[in-house]
Structure formats: C-alpha cells, structure tokens
C-alpha cells in the first residue's frame, strides 16, 4: 500500500510542490530502473542479511522517504525520495519470501507473496484517495509513512 499510494499520486504531488509533469515522468522512468537494481542487489545480498533485519530496515527507509515527500520537498529531495522508494520496492521481495517460508514450513504461503504485494499496490491508491482534500496531496505520503510503520510493526 505504501508504494502504490505514492506512485499513483506522484504527478499531482509533484505539481503541488512546483515540479512539472515532464520531470515527474522522468522520475518514474528512473524509478523503474532503480526497481530492477533493487531486485538485483537483493539477489546478491539476500543470503547475507537476516530477513527480519532487512524488513525492519526497509520499513524505516520507507517511512523516512514518505516523510521526505510529505515535507514539501524541493526537486532534489523529491527525486531522492522517489528513487529510494523504487529501489526498496523490489529489494524487499526476497526477504518477504524468506519470511513466508519461515512462517509456513509447507512453503505454500510463499506463492502468495507476489499476489499480496500486488494487492497492496492496488488498494494503496484507493485508500490514499480517501484522504485527499481538494488539491492538497500531502496526506498521500503521510498515509504511506503510516502504512509502512504499521507493516514494519507486524514483523
């Protein structure tokens, strides 16, 4: 929900902070590249980093990047926060899979990890849209920070 809510409203959020749509489009493209880099990095480090530590650390990073976006950032901070979000989106997947394997010795629950992530990505914008008042999109990253903190708390 964290990533989906911010991703869906990135352009109007950027516009609220004076960032034009073309720049936000470039940020989205760069974000996709960082997602691939995040997945590749996780592939290298997954066996070396305990999944509990990784999930908590990624949760902290997610909250921090959401707070950065909620604080009326300038262009550079907006770029950095959005790229961090892209990196951690796919970086966390192997650790979520490890958590599912640890929780369910039959390993059948692990098949639900990608579906659960996509479900969260899909309902995040719906939930965040309920908080938008007029043209003020700041509640979106605030909601994302809250969702990240709640998810981290469950681990």
N, C-alpha and C. Protein backbone atom coordinates (compact mmCIF):
# COMPACT_ATOMS: atom_id res chain seq x y z
N UNK A 1 0.82 -1.19 0.00
CA UNK A 1 0.00 0.00 0.00
C UNK A 1 0.87 1.26 0.00
N UNK A 2 1.99 1.17 0.70
CA UNK A 2 2.92 2.31 0.80
C UNK A 2 3.30 2.81 -0.59
N UNK A 3 3.84 1.93 -1.41
CA UNK A 3 4.37 2.35 -2.70
C UNK A 3 3.24 2.71 -3.66
N UNK A 4 2.19 1.89 -3.70
CA UNK A 4 1.09 2.13 -4.63
C UNK A 4 0.43 3.48 -4.40
N UNK A 5 0.27 3.86 -3.14
CA UNK A 5 -0.39 5.13 -2.86
C UNK A 5 0.45 6.31 -3.36
N UNK A 6 1.73 6.28 -3.13
CA UNK A 6 2.59 7.38 -3.59
C UNK A 6 2.74 7.35 -5.10
N UNK A 7 2.95 6.17 -5.65
CA UNK A 7 3.16 6.02 -7.09
C UNK A 7 1.98 6.58 -7.89
N UNK A 8 0.76 6.29 -7.44
CA UNK A 8 -0.43 6.72 -8.16
C UNK A 8 -0.60 8.24 -8.14
N UNK A 9 -0.13 8.88 -7.10
CA UNK A 9 -0.31 10.32 -6.95
C UNK A 9 0.99 11.11 -7.09
N UNK A 10 2.00 10.50 -7.68
CA UNK A 10 3.30 11.17 -7.78
C UNK A 10 3.22 12.45 -8.62
N UNK A 11 2.50 12.41 -9.73
CA UNK A 11 2.43 13.61 -10.58
C UNK A 11 1.68 14.76 -9.90
N UNK A 12 0.48 14.55 -9.34
CA UNK A 12 -0.15 15.68 -8.66
C UNK A 12 0.60 16.12 -7.41
N UNK A 13 1.27 15.18 -6.76
CA UNK A 13 2.07 15.54 -5.60
C UNK A 13 3.24 16.42 -6.03
N UNK A 14 3.89 16.04 -7.12
CA UNK A 14 4.97 16.86 -7.67
C UNK A 14 4.48 18.23 -8.09
N UNK A 15 3.32 18.28 -8.74
CA UNK A 15 2.76 19.57 -9.16
C UNK A 15 2.49 20.47 -7.96
N UNK A 16 2.04 19.87 -6.87
CA UNK A 16 1.79 20.65 -5.66
C UNK A 16 3.08 21.29 -5.14
N UNK A 17 4.21 20.64 -5.38
CA UNK A 17 5.49 21.15 -4.93
C UNK A 17 6.23 21.93 -6.02
N UNK A 18 5.55 22.21 -7.14
CA UNK A 18 6.14 23.01 -8.20
C UNK A 18 7.01 22.23 -9.18
N UNK A 19 6.82 20.91 -9.23
CA UNK A 19 7.61 20.06 -10.14
C UNK A 19 6.72 19.71 -11.33
N UNK A 20 7.20 20.02 -12.53
CA UNK A 20 6.37 19.82 -13.72
C UNK A 20 6.19 18.33 -14.05
N UNK A 21 5.14 18.04 -14.80
CA UNK A 21 4.78 16.67 -15.15
C UNK A 21 5.85 15.95 -15.95
N UNK A 22 6.56 16.67 -16.79
CA UNK A 22 7.62 16.05 -17.59
C UNK A 22 8.75 15.53 -16.69
N UNK A 23 9.10 16.30 -15.68
CA UNK A 23 10.13 15.88 -14.72
C UNK A 23 9.67 14.68 -13.92
N UNK A 24 8.41 14.70 -13.50
CA UNK A 24 7.87 13.57 -12.76
C UNK A 24 7.88 12.32 -13.64
N UNK A 25 7.58 12.47 -14.92
CA UNK A 25 7.65 11.34 -15.85
C UNK A 25 9.05 10.77 -15.94
N UNK A 26 10.04 11.63 -15.94
CA UNK A 26 11.44 11.19 -15.94
C UNK A 26 11.77 10.47 -14.64
N UNK A 27 11.25 10.98 -13.53
CA UNK A 27 11.46 10.33 -12.24
C UNK A 27 10.85 8.93 -12.24
N UNK A 28 9.67 8.79 -12.83
CA UNK A 28 9.01 7.48 -12.91
C UNK A 28 9.87 6.51 -13.73
N UNK A 29 10.41 6.96 -14.83
CA UNK A 29 11.27 6.10 -15.66
C UNK A 29 12.52 5.68 -14.89
N UNK A 30 13.16 6.64 -14.23
CA UNK A 30 14.35 6.32 -13.44
C UNK A 30 13.98 5.39 -12.29
N UNK A 31 12.79 5.57 -11.73
CA UNK A 31 12.31 4.74 -10.64
C UNK A 31 12.22 3.27 -11.08
N UNK A 32 11.75 3.05 -12.29
CA UNK A 32 11.65 1.68 -12.81
C UNK A 32 13.03 1.04 -12.92
N UNK A 33 14.01 1.81 -13.34
CA UNK A 33 15.38 1.30 -13.40
C UNK A 33 15.90 0.95 -12.01
N UNK A 34 15.58 1.79 -11.03
CA UNK A 34 16.01 1.52 -9.65
C UNK A 34 15.31 0.29 -9.08
N UNK A 35 14.09 0.02 -9.52
CA UNK A 35 13.42 -1.20 -9.07
C UNK A 35 14.20 -2.44 -9.52
N UNK A 36 14.65 -2.42 -10.77
CA UNK A 36 15.45 -3.54 -11.28
C UNK A 36 16.76 -3.64 -10.52
N UNK A 37 17.40 -2.52 -10.27
CA UNK A 37 18.64 -2.51 -9.49
C UNK A 37 18.40 -3.03 -8.08
N UNK A 38 17.28 -2.66 -7.48
CA UNK A 38 16.94 -3.16 -6.14
C UNK A 38 16.78 -4.67 -6.13
N UNK A 39 16.11 -5.22 -7.14
CA UNK A 39 15.94 -6.67 -7.22
C UNK A 39 17.28 -7.37 -7.41
N UNK A 40 18.14 -6.81 -8.25
CA UNK A 40 19.45 -7.41 -8.47
C UNK A 40 20.31 -7.34 -7.21
N UNK A 41 20.25 -6.23 -6.51
CA UNK A 41 21.01 -6.07 -5.27
C UNK A 41 20.53 -7.07 -4.21
N UNK A 42 19.23 -7.23 -4.10
CA UNK A 42 18.68 -8.19 -3.14
C UNK A 42 19.11 -9.61 -3.47
N UNK A 43 19.21 -9.91 -4.74
CA UNK A 43 19.66 -11.24 -5.15
C UNK A 43 21.07 -11.52 -4.64
N UNK A 44 21.91 -10.52 -4.66
CA UNK A 44 23.28 -10.67 -4.20
C UNK A 44 23.35 -10.79 -2.67
N UNK A 45 22.56 -9.98 -1.96
CA UNK A 45 22.69 -9.89 -0.51
C UNK A 45 21.67 -10.70 0.29
N UNK A 46 20.69 -11.30 -0.34
CA UNK A 46 19.61 -11.97 0.39
C UNK A 46 20.11 -12.99 1.40
N UNK A 47 21.06 -13.80 1.02
CA UNK A 47 21.55 -14.85 1.92
C UNK A 47 22.43 -14.29 3.05
N UNK A 48 22.94 -13.07 2.88
CA UNK A 48 23.86 -12.50 3.86
C UNK A 48 23.19 -11.63 4.91
N UNK A 49 21.96 -11.20 4.65
CA UNK A 49 21.26 -10.29 5.56
C UNK A 49 20.04 -11.02 6.11
N UNK A 50 19.90 -11.05 7.42
CA UNK A 50 18.75 -11.68 8.05
C UNK A 50 17.47 -10.99 7.60
N UNK A 51 16.47 -11.79 7.24
CA UNK A 51 15.24 -11.22 6.70
C UNK A 51 14.55 -10.28 7.69
N UNK A 52 14.62 -10.58 8.99
CA UNK A 52 13.96 -9.70 9.98
C UNK A 52 14.62 -8.33 10.00
N UNK A 53 15.94 -8.30 9.99
CA UNK A 53 16.66 -7.03 9.96
C UNK A 53 16.34 -6.27 8.68
N UNK A 54 16.35 -6.97 7.55
CA UNK A 54 16.10 -6.32 6.26
C UNK A 54 14.70 -5.72 6.20
N UNK A 55 13.70 -6.44 6.67
CA UNK A 55 12.33 -5.94 6.62
C UNK A 55 12.16 -4.72 7.52
N UNK A 56 12.74 -4.77 8.70
CA UNK A 56 12.65 -3.62 9.60
C UNK A 56 13.41 -2.42 9.01
N UNK A 57 14.61 -2.65 8.52
CA UNK A 57 15.39 -1.56 7.94
C UNK A 57 14.68 -0.95 6.73
N UNK A 58 14.11 -1.77 5.89
CA UNK A 58 13.40 -1.26 4.71
C UNK A 58 12.16 -0.49 5.15
N UNK A 59 11.51 -0.96 6.21
CA UNK A 59 10.37 -0.22 6.75
C UNK A 59 10.76 1.16 7.22
N UNK A 60 11.90 1.25 7.89
CA UNK A 60 12.39 2.55 8.37
C UNK A 60 12.71 3.45 7.18
N UNK A 61 13.34 2.89 6.16
CA UNK A 61 13.67 3.67 4.96
C UNK A 61 12.38 4.13 4.26
N UNK A 62 11.38 3.26 4.22
CA UNK A 62 10.11 3.61 3.59
C UNK A 62 9.43 4.76 4.33
N UNK A 63 9.43 4.69 5.65
CA UNK A 63 8.84 5.78 6.44
C UNK A 63 9.61 7.07 6.20
N UNK A 64 10.93 6.99 6.21
CA UNK A 64 11.76 8.18 6.01
C UNK A 64 11.51 8.81 4.63
N UNK A 65 11.44 7.99 3.61
CA UNK A 65 11.21 8.54 2.27
C UNK A 65 9.82 9.13 2.14
N UNK A 66 8.83 8.54 2.79
CA UNK A 66 7.48 9.10 2.78
C UNK A 66 7.44 10.43 3.51
N UNK A 67 8.12 10.51 4.63
CA UNK A 67 8.19 11.77 5.39
C UNK A 67 8.88 12.84 4.55
N UNK A 68 9.91 12.46 3.81
CA UNK A 68 10.58 13.41 2.93
C UNK A 68 9.60 13.98 1.91
N UNK A 69 8.77 13.11 1.33
CA UNK A 69 7.80 13.57 0.33
C UNK A 69 6.68 14.40 0.95
N UNK A 70 6.37 14.14 2.21
CA UNK A 70 5.29 14.88 2.87
C UNK A 70 5.73 16.26 3.32
N UNK A 71 7.02 16.50 3.35
CA UNK A 71 7.54 17.76 3.90
C UNK A 71 7.77 18.86 2.89
N UNK A 72 6.97 18.93 1.84
CA UNK A 72 7.13 19.97 0.81
C UNK A 72 8.56 20.02 0.28
N UNK A 73 9.04 18.91 -0.30
CA UNK A 73 10.44 18.86 -0.74
C UNK A 73 10.70 19.67 -2.00
N UNK A 74 11.96 20.03 -2.16
CA UNK A 74 12.40 20.62 -3.41
C UNK A 74 12.63 19.51 -4.43
N UNK A 75 13.08 19.87 -5.59
CA UNK A 75 13.26 18.91 -6.67
C UNK A 75 14.24 17.80 -6.31
N UNK A 76 15.37 18.13 -5.73
CA UNK A 76 16.38 17.11 -5.41
C UNK A 76 15.86 16.11 -4.40
N UNK A 77 15.24 16.59 -3.34
CA UNK A 77 14.72 15.69 -2.31
C UNK A 77 13.59 14.84 -2.88
N UNK A 78 12.76 15.43 -3.73
CA UNK A 78 11.69 14.68 -4.38
C UNK A 78 12.27 13.53 -5.21
N UNK A 79 13.29 13.82 -5.99
CA UNK A 79 13.98 12.80 -6.78
C UNK A 79 14.51 11.69 -5.88
N UNK A 80 15.25 12.07 -4.86
CA UNK A 80 15.88 11.09 -3.97
C UNK A 80 14.83 10.20 -3.30
N UNK A 81 13.79 10.80 -2.77
CA UNK A 81 12.75 10.02 -2.09
C UNK A 81 12.07 9.05 -3.05
N UNK A 82 11.74 9.51 -4.25
CA UNK A 82 11.08 8.64 -5.23
C UNK A 82 12.00 7.50 -5.68
N UNK A 83 13.27 7.78 -5.86
CA UNK A 83 14.20 6.73 -6.28
C UNK A 83 14.45 5.72 -5.16
N UNK A 84 14.50 6.18 -3.94
CA UNK A 84 14.64 5.26 -2.81
C UNK A 84 13.44 4.31 -2.77
N UNK A 85 12.25 4.87 -2.96
CA UNK A 85 11.05 4.04 -2.95
C UNK A 85 11.10 2.98 -4.05
N UNK A 86 11.57 3.36 -5.22
CA UNK A 86 11.68 2.39 -6.30
C UNK A 86 12.66 1.28 -5.97
N UNK A 87 13.79 1.63 -5.40
CA UNK A 87 14.80 0.64 -5.06
C UNK A 87 14.27 -0.37 -4.05
N UNK A 88 13.61 0.11 -3.00
CA UNK A 88 13.19 -0.81 -1.94
C UNK A 88 11.98 -1.65 -2.34
N UNK A 89 11.22 -1.21 -3.35
CA UNK A 89 10.02 -1.97 -3.75
C UNK A 89 10.37 -3.40 -4.12
N UNK A 90 11.35 -3.59 -4.96
CA UNK A 90 11.72 -4.95 -5.36
C UNK A 90 12.87 -5.52 -4.54
N UNK A 91 13.57 -4.67 -3.80
CA UNK A 91 14.61 -5.16 -2.92
C UNK A 91 14.01 -6.02 -1.80
N UNK A 92 12.83 -5.67 -1.34
CA UNK A 92 12.23 -6.35 -0.19
C UNK A 92 11.64 -7.72 -0.53
N UNK A 93 11.36 -7.99 -1.78
CA UNK A 93 10.65 -9.22 -2.15
C UNK A 93 11.34 -10.50 -1.65
N UNK A 94 12.64 -10.69 -1.85
CA UNK A 94 13.25 -11.93 -1.35
C UNK A 94 13.13 -12.09 0.17
N UNK A 95 13.14 -10.98 0.88
CA UNK A 95 13.02 -11.03 2.33
C UNK A 95 11.58 -11.35 2.75
N UNK A 96 10.62 -10.87 1.98
CA UNK A 96 9.23 -11.24 2.23
C UNK A 96 9.03 -12.73 1.96
N UNK A 97 9.68 -13.22 0.94
CA UNK A 97 9.60 -14.65 0.63
C UNK A 97 10.23 -15.47 1.75
N UNK A 98 11.38 -15.03 2.27
CA UNK A 98 12.03 -15.72 3.38
C UNK A 98 11.12 -15.72 4.62
N UNK A 99 10.46 -14.61 4.88
CA UNK A 99 9.52 -14.51 6.00
C UNK A 99 8.38 -15.52 5.82
N UNK A 100 7.84 -15.62 4.62
CA UNK A 100 6.75 -16.56 4.35
C UNK A 100 7.21 -18.01 4.50
N UNK A 101 8.43 -18.31 4.05
CA UNK A 101 8.97 -19.67 4.19
C UNK A 101 9.16 -20.01 5.66
N UNK A 102 9.66 -19.06 6.43
CA UNK A 102 9.89 -19.28 7.86
C UNK A 102 8.57 -19.47 8.60
N UNK A 103 7.56 -18.71 8.22
CA UNK A 103 6.27 -18.78 8.89
C UNK A 103 5.48 -20.04 8.53
N UNK A 104 5.70 -20.57 7.33
CA UNK A 104 4.93 -21.71 6.85
C UNK A 104 5.89 -22.77 6.31
N UNK A 105 6.12 -23.79 7.10
CA UNK A 105 7.09 -24.83 6.71
C UNK A 105 6.65 -25.60 5.47
N UNK A 106 5.36 -25.60 5.15
CA UNK A 106 4.90 -26.28 3.93
C UNK A 106 5.27 -25.50 2.68
N UNK A 107 5.60 -24.25 2.85
CA UNK A 107 6.01 -23.34 1.78
C UNK A 107 4.91 -23.00 0.79
N UNK A 108 3.69 -23.32 1.13
CA UNK A 108 2.59 -22.97 0.22
C UNK A 108 2.26 -21.47 0.29
N UNK A 109 2.47 -20.86 1.44
CA UNK A 109 2.17 -19.43 1.59
C UNK A 109 3.10 -18.56 0.76
N UNK A 110 4.29 -19.07 0.45
CA UNK A 110 5.25 -18.27 -0.31
C UNK A 110 4.71 -17.89 -1.68
N UNK A 111 3.82 -18.68 -2.21
CA UNK A 111 3.23 -18.37 -3.51
C UNK A 111 2.34 -17.13 -3.46
N UNK A 112 1.94 -16.76 -2.26
CA UNK A 112 1.06 -15.61 -2.10
C UNK A 112 1.81 -14.28 -1.98
N UNK A 113 3.11 -14.32 -1.81
CA UNK A 113 3.88 -13.08 -1.61
C UNK A 113 3.71 -12.12 -2.78
N UNK A 114 3.93 -12.53 -4.03
CA UNK A 114 3.74 -11.57 -5.13
C UNK A 114 2.29 -11.09 -5.23
N UNK A 115 1.33 -11.97 -4.99
CA UNK A 115 -0.07 -11.55 -5.05
C UNK A 115 -0.38 -10.55 -3.94
N UNK A 116 0.14 -10.79 -2.75
CA UNK A 116 -0.09 -9.86 -1.64
C UNK A 116 0.53 -8.50 -1.93
N UNK A 117 1.72 -8.51 -2.52
CA UNK A 117 2.36 -7.24 -2.85
C UNK A 117 1.55 -6.49 -3.91
N UNK A 118 1.08 -7.19 -4.92
CA UNK A 118 0.27 -6.53 -5.95
C UNK A 118 -1.06 -6.04 -5.38
N UNK A 119 -1.64 -6.80 -4.47
CA UNK A 119 -2.89 -6.37 -3.84
C UNK A 119 -2.67 -5.07 -3.07
N UNK A 120 -1.59 -5.00 -2.31
CA UNK A 120 -1.26 -3.78 -1.59
C UNK A 120 -1.03 -2.60 -2.53
N UNK A 121 -0.33 -2.87 -3.64
CA UNK A 121 -0.09 -1.82 -4.64
C UNK A 121 -1.40 -1.32 -5.22
N UNK A 122 -2.37 -2.22 -5.37
CA UNK A 122 -3.66 -1.85 -5.97
C UNK A 122 -4.57 -1.09 -5.01
N UNK A 123 -4.60 -1.51 -3.74
CA UNK A 123 -5.52 -0.84 -2.83
C UNK A 123 -4.92 0.40 -2.16
N UNK A 124 -3.61 0.56 -2.24
CA UNK A 124 -2.98 1.75 -1.67
C UNK A 124 -3.54 3.05 -2.23
N UNK A 125 -3.64 3.18 -3.56
CA UNK A 125 -4.19 4.43 -4.12
C UNK A 125 -5.65 4.65 -3.73
N UNK A 126 -6.41 3.59 -3.63
CA UNK A 126 -7.82 3.73 -3.25
C UNK A 126 -7.92 4.28 -1.83
N UNK A 127 -7.15 3.69 -0.93
CA UNK A 127 -7.18 4.15 0.46
C UNK A 127 -6.65 5.58 0.58
N UNK A 128 -5.57 5.88 -0.11
CA UNK A 128 -4.98 7.22 -0.03
C UNK A 128 -5.91 8.27 -0.62
N UNK A 129 -6.65 7.91 -1.66
CA UNK A 129 -7.54 8.89 -2.30
C UNK A 129 -8.63 9.37 -1.36
N UNK A 130 -8.97 8.56 -0.37
CA UNK A 130 -9.99 8.97 0.60
C UNK A 130 -9.50 10.11 1.50
N UNK A 131 -8.20 10.33 1.54
CA UNK A 131 -7.61 11.35 2.40
C UNK A 131 -7.35 12.67 1.69
N UNK A 132 -7.47 12.68 0.37
CA UNK A 132 -7.17 13.88 -0.41
C UNK A 132 -8.32 14.87 -0.29
N UNK A 133 -7.95 16.10 0.03
CA UNK A 133 -8.94 17.16 0.18
C UNK A 133 -8.63 18.25 -0.84
N UNK A 134 -9.43 18.34 -1.86
CA UNK A 134 -9.21 19.34 -2.90
C UNK A 134 -7.94 19.07 -3.66
N UNK A 135 -7.01 20.01 -3.62
CA UNK A 135 -5.75 19.87 -4.35
C UNK A 135 -4.57 19.66 -3.43
N UNK A 136 -4.86 19.27 -2.19
CA UNK A 136 -3.79 19.01 -1.22
C UNK A 136 -3.51 17.51 -1.19
N UNK A 137 -2.36 17.13 -1.75
CA UNK A 137 -1.99 15.71 -1.84
C UNK A 137 -1.00 15.29 -0.76
N UNK A 138 -0.67 16.18 0.17
CA UNK A 138 0.26 15.84 1.24
C UNK A 138 -0.18 14.66 2.10
N UNK A 139 -1.49 14.43 2.28
CA UNK A 139 -1.88 13.24 3.06
C UNK A 139 -1.45 11.91 2.42
N UNK A 140 -1.16 11.91 1.13
CA UNK A 140 -0.77 10.66 0.46
C UNK A 140 0.55 10.12 1.02
N UNK A 141 1.66 10.88 1.02
CA UNK A 141 2.88 10.33 1.62
C UNK A 141 2.76 10.15 3.13
N UNK A 142 1.92 10.94 3.79
CA UNK A 142 1.70 10.73 5.21
C UNK A 142 1.03 9.37 5.44
N UNK A 143 0.05 9.05 4.61
CA UNK A 143 -0.60 7.74 4.66
C UNK A 143 0.42 6.64 4.38
N UNK A 144 1.27 6.85 3.38
CA UNK A 144 2.29 5.86 3.03
C UNK A 144 3.23 5.61 4.20
N UNK A 145 3.63 6.67 4.88
CA UNK A 145 4.51 6.52 6.05
C UNK A 145 3.81 5.72 7.13
N UNK A 146 2.54 6.01 7.36
CA UNK A 146 1.77 5.29 8.38
C UNK A 146 1.64 3.81 8.01
N UNK A 147 1.38 3.52 6.72
CA UNK A 147 1.24 2.12 6.28
C UNK A 147 2.57 1.39 6.43
N UNK A 148 3.67 2.07 6.12
CA UNK A 148 4.99 1.45 6.26
C UNK A 148 5.28 1.13 7.71
N UNK A 149 4.97 2.05 8.58
CA UNK A 149 5.21 1.84 10.01
C UNK A 149 4.36 0.70 10.54
N UNK A 150 3.12 0.60 10.09
CA UNK A 150 2.22 -0.47 10.53
C UNK A 150 2.72 -1.83 10.02
N UNK A 151 3.19 -1.90 8.80
CA UNK A 151 3.70 -3.15 8.24
C UNK A 151 4.95 -3.60 8.98
N UNK A 152 5.84 -2.67 9.28
CA UNK A 152 7.08 -2.98 9.97
C UNK A 152 6.78 -3.47 11.38
N UNK A 153 5.74 -2.90 12.00
CA UNK A 153 5.38 -3.27 13.37
C UNK A 153 4.95 -4.74 13.46
N UNK A 154 4.35 -5.26 12.41
CA UNK A 154 3.86 -6.65 12.41
C UNK A 154 4.98 -7.67 12.36
N UNK A 155 6.15 -7.27 11.88
CA UNK A 155 7.28 -8.23 11.79
C UNK A 155 7.86 -8.40 13.15
